């Protein structure tokens, strides 16, 4: 699968809910996880590979060499708590840049797993940030729409420079030659 890069209009579309229990989702999730790992990401949403379905894969265990992606189908944040933390985020669809984004430090998310069971997960730290980021993709939001107005302007300028310098998915900064 190829990563869709901003400003492709598919990234600005709201995704359709998945049919819970749809057997084709297992293959899609497997391909998405493979693409995420190949590009050194910690999360990937279906629109980032050109599929307008509400499914994400996440694996934020960056200290572990074991691959254990979590697949969330039709995820929705049901609660957020803790401090709002501003931290730099990269995105496979916006290579070459890191953008400061404000996110809740803790979230509770409801979703379906690949077997069609309804689940809830509490997440904090990088997991919470990543889940919020990927759900933004399902709602047609990229890093640019999630940033403050001033940070958005800077990010758009930096992104143009990064693309011109040949930035590839998985890169969060690019040295300008």
Protein backbone atom coordinates (compact mmCIF):
# COMPACT_ATOMS: atom_id res chain seq x y z
CA UNK A 1 0.00 0.00 0.00
CA UNK A 2 1.16 3.53 -0.73
CA UNK A 3 0.86 6.41 1.73
CA UNK A 4 -1.41 9.23 0.54
CA UNK A 5 0.39 12.56 0.97
CA UNK A 6 -1.09 15.94 1.83
CA UNK A 7 -2.62 17.92 0.19
CA UNK A 8 -4.47 14.98 -1.46
CA UNK A 9 -8.22 15.72 -1.04
CA UNK A 10 -8.93 12.20 0.24
CA UNK A 11 -7.27 13.22 3.52
CA UNK A 12 -9.95 15.91 4.03
CA UNK A 13 -12.91 13.54 3.68
CA UNK A 14 -14.89 12.10 6.58
CA UNK A 15 -14.74 8.30 6.53
CA UNK A 16 -17.72 5.96 6.45
CA UNK A 17 -18.28 3.54 9.34
CA UNK A 18 -17.10 -0.01 8.76
CA UNK A 19 -19.55 -2.88 8.78
CA UNK A 20 -18.70 -4.61 12.05
CA UNK A 21 -17.63 -8.20 11.42
CA UNK A 22 -16.78 -7.57 7.76
CA UNK A 23 -14.18 -10.26 7.00
CA UNK A 24 -12.34 -8.02 4.49
CA UNK A 25 -11.29 -5.75 7.38
CA UNK A 26 -8.77 -8.37 8.57
CA UNK A 27 -6.89 -8.21 5.27
CA UNK A 28 -7.09 -4.40 5.22
CA UNK A 29 -5.79 -4.17 8.82
CA UNK A 30 -2.92 -6.55 8.04
CA UNK A 31 -1.89 -4.50 4.99
CA UNK A 32 -2.21 -1.25 6.93
CA UNK A 33 -0.02 -2.58 9.75
CA UNK A 34 2.57 -3.77 7.24
CA UNK A 35 2.59 -0.31 5.62
CA UNK A 36 2.81 1.42 9.01
CA UNK A 37 5.83 -0.65 10.08
CA UNK A 38 7.53 -0.32 6.68
CA UNK A 39 7.34 3.48 7.05
CA UNK A 40 8.35 3.46 10.75
CA UNK A 41 5.01 4.84 11.94
CA UNK A 42 3.23 4.23 15.23
CA UNK A 43 -0.27 4.66 13.80
CA UNK A 44 -2.07 4.63 10.48
CA UNK A 45 -5.64 5.48 9.48
CA UNK A 46 -7.37 3.98 6.44
CA UNK A 47 -7.63 7.28 4.50
CA UNK A 48 -3.84 7.51 4.62
CA UNK A 49 -3.79 4.51 2.27
CA UNK A 50 -6.73 5.72 0.19
CA UNK A 51 -9.55 3.84 1.96
CA UNK A 52 -12.43 5.95 3.33
CA UNK A 53 -13.34 3.57 6.17
CA UNK A 54 -13.23 4.15 9.93
CA UNK A 55 -10.37 1.82 10.84
CA UNK A 56 -6.98 2.56 12.39
CA UNK A 57 -3.96 0.52 13.42
CA UNK A 58 -1.74 1.64 16.30
CA UNK A 59 1.43 0.27 17.87
CA UNK A 60 3.19 2.68 20.21
CA UNK A 61 5.39 0.09 21.94
CA UNK A 62 8.46 1.71 20.41
CA UNK A 63 10.78 0.10 22.99
CA UNK A 64 9.72 -3.40 21.94
CA UNK A 65 10.98 -5.16 18.83
CA UNK A 66 7.80 -7.26 18.82
CA UNK A 67 5.10 -6.09 16.44
CA UNK A 68 1.70 -6.06 18.11
CA UNK A 69 -0.65 -3.68 16.27
CA UNK A 70 -3.96 -2.79 17.87
CA UNK A 71 -6.79 -2.51 15.34
CA UNK A 72 -9.64 -0.14 16.18
CA UNK A 73 -12.76 -0.29 14.01
CA UNK A 74 -15.21 2.63 14.20
CA UNK A 75 -13.26 4.17 17.11
CA UNK A 76 -14.71 7.05 19.08
CA UNK A 77 -13.30 8.92 22.03
CA UNK A 78 -15.82 8.70 24.85
CA UNK A 79 -13.82 10.60 27.43
CA UNK A 80 -10.67 12.66 27.64
CA UNK A 81 -8.97 13.80 30.81
CA UNK A 82 -5.70 14.90 32.29
CA UNK A 83 -3.74 17.91 31.21
CA UNK A 84 -3.75 19.19 27.67
CA UNK A 85 -0.20 18.68 26.44
CA UNK A 86 1.40 20.42 23.48
CA UNK A 87 3.97 18.19 21.81
CA UNK A 88 5.50 17.71 18.39
CA UNK A 89 3.76 15.26 16.05
CA UNK A 90 4.86 13.77 12.80
CA UNK A 91 2.59 12.14 10.24
CA UNK A 92 3.20 9.61 7.48
CA UNK A 93 0.98 11.72 5.19
CA UNK A 94 2.91 14.94 5.95
CA UNK A 95 6.54 13.79 5.78
CA UNK A 96 9.50 15.89 6.74
CA UNK A 97 7.90 18.00 9.44
CA UNK A 98 7.01 17.92 13.12
CA UNK A 99 4.15 20.15 14.27
CA UNK A 100 3.22 21.19 17.84
CA UNK A 101 -0.30 19.90 18.56
CA UNK A 102 -2.37 20.23 21.77
CA UNK A 103 -3.92 16.91 22.86
CA UNK A 104 -5.56 15.49 25.97
CA UNK A 105 -3.03 13.42 27.92
CA UNK A 106 -5.56 10.65 28.61
CA UNK A 107 -8.44 9.24 26.56
CA UNK A 108 -10.96 6.45 26.75
CA UNK A 109 -11.88 5.09 23.32
CA UNK A 110 -14.71 2.76 22.34
CA UNK A 111 -14.24 0.63 19.23
CA UNK A 112 -14.83 -2.79 17.69
CA UNK A 113 -12.09 -5.37 17.24
CA UNK A 114 -11.61 -7.56 14.17
CA UNK A 115 -13.89 -10.23 15.65
CA UNK A 116 -16.74 -7.72 15.94
CA UNK A 117 -16.61 -7.38 19.73
CA UNK A 118 -17.18 -3.96 21.26
CA UNK A 119 -14.19 -2.87 23.35
CA UNK A 120 -13.01 0.08 25.40
CA UNK A 121 -9.42 1.12 25.98
CA UNK A 122 -7.91 3.70 28.26
CA UNK A 123 -4.76 5.28 26.89
CA UNK A 124 -2.28 7.88 28.04
CA UNK A 125 0.95 9.41 26.82
CA UNK A 126 1.99 8.48 23.29
CA UNK A 127 -0.90 5.99 22.94
CA UNK A 128 -3.47 8.72 23.72
CA UNK A 129 -1.80 11.18 21.36
CA UNK A 130 -1.61 8.62 18.55
CA UNK A 131 -5.23 7.50 18.90
CA UNK A 132 -6.43 11.12 18.82
CA UNK A 133 -4.23 11.82 15.77
CA UNK A 134 -5.54 8.79 13.84
CA UNK A 135 -9.18 9.51 14.71
CA UNK A 136 -8.62 13.04 13.39
CA UNK A 137 -7.70 11.42 10.05
CA UNK A 138 -11.03 9.54 10.06
CA UNK A 139 -12.75 12.91 10.48
CA UNK A 140 -10.85 14.53 7.59
CA UNK A 141 -8.33 16.42 9.74
CA UNK A 142 -4.58 16.45 9.15
CA UNK A 143 -1.81 17.94 11.27
CA UNK A 144 -2.45 21.27 9.58
CA UNK A 145 -6.07 21.49 10.75
CA UNK A 146 -5.14 20.29 14.25
CA UNK A 147 -2.45 22.95 14.74
CA UNK A 148 -2.96 26.43 16.12
CA UNK A 149 -3.31 29.10 13.38
CA UNK A 150 0.27 30.35 13.81
CA UNK A 151 1.73 26.83 13.92
CA UNK A 152 -0.36 25.91 10.86
CA UNK A 153 1.20 28.70 8.80
CA UNK A 154 4.71 27.64 9.82
CA UNK A 155 3.92 23.95 9.21
CA UNK A 156 2.62 24.65 5.70
CA UNK A 157 5.80 26.57 4.85
CA UNK A 158 8.00 23.85 6.36
CA UNK A 159 6.05 21.16 4.48
CA UNK A 160 6.61 22.85 1.13
CA UNK A 161 10.35 22.98 1.87
CA UNK A 162 10.39 19.34 3.08
CA UNK A 163 8.60 18.08 -0.05
CA UNK A 164 10.96 20.06 -2.29
CA UNK A 165 13.87 18.43 -0.42
CA UNK A 166 12.42 14.96 -1.11
CA UNK A 167 10.80 14.08 2.23
CA UNK A 168 9.43 10.52 2.43
CA UNK A 169 6.81 9.00 4.78
CA UNK A 170 8.36 8.21 8.14
CA UNK A 171 10.66 11.23 8.14
CA UNK A 172 9.83 13.85 10.76
CA UNK A 173 12.50 16.29 9.70
CA UNK A 174 14.40 16.89 6.50
CA UNK A 175 17.68 18.70 6.09
CA UNK A 176 17.47 21.30 3.38
CA UNK A 177 20.36 21.02 0.97
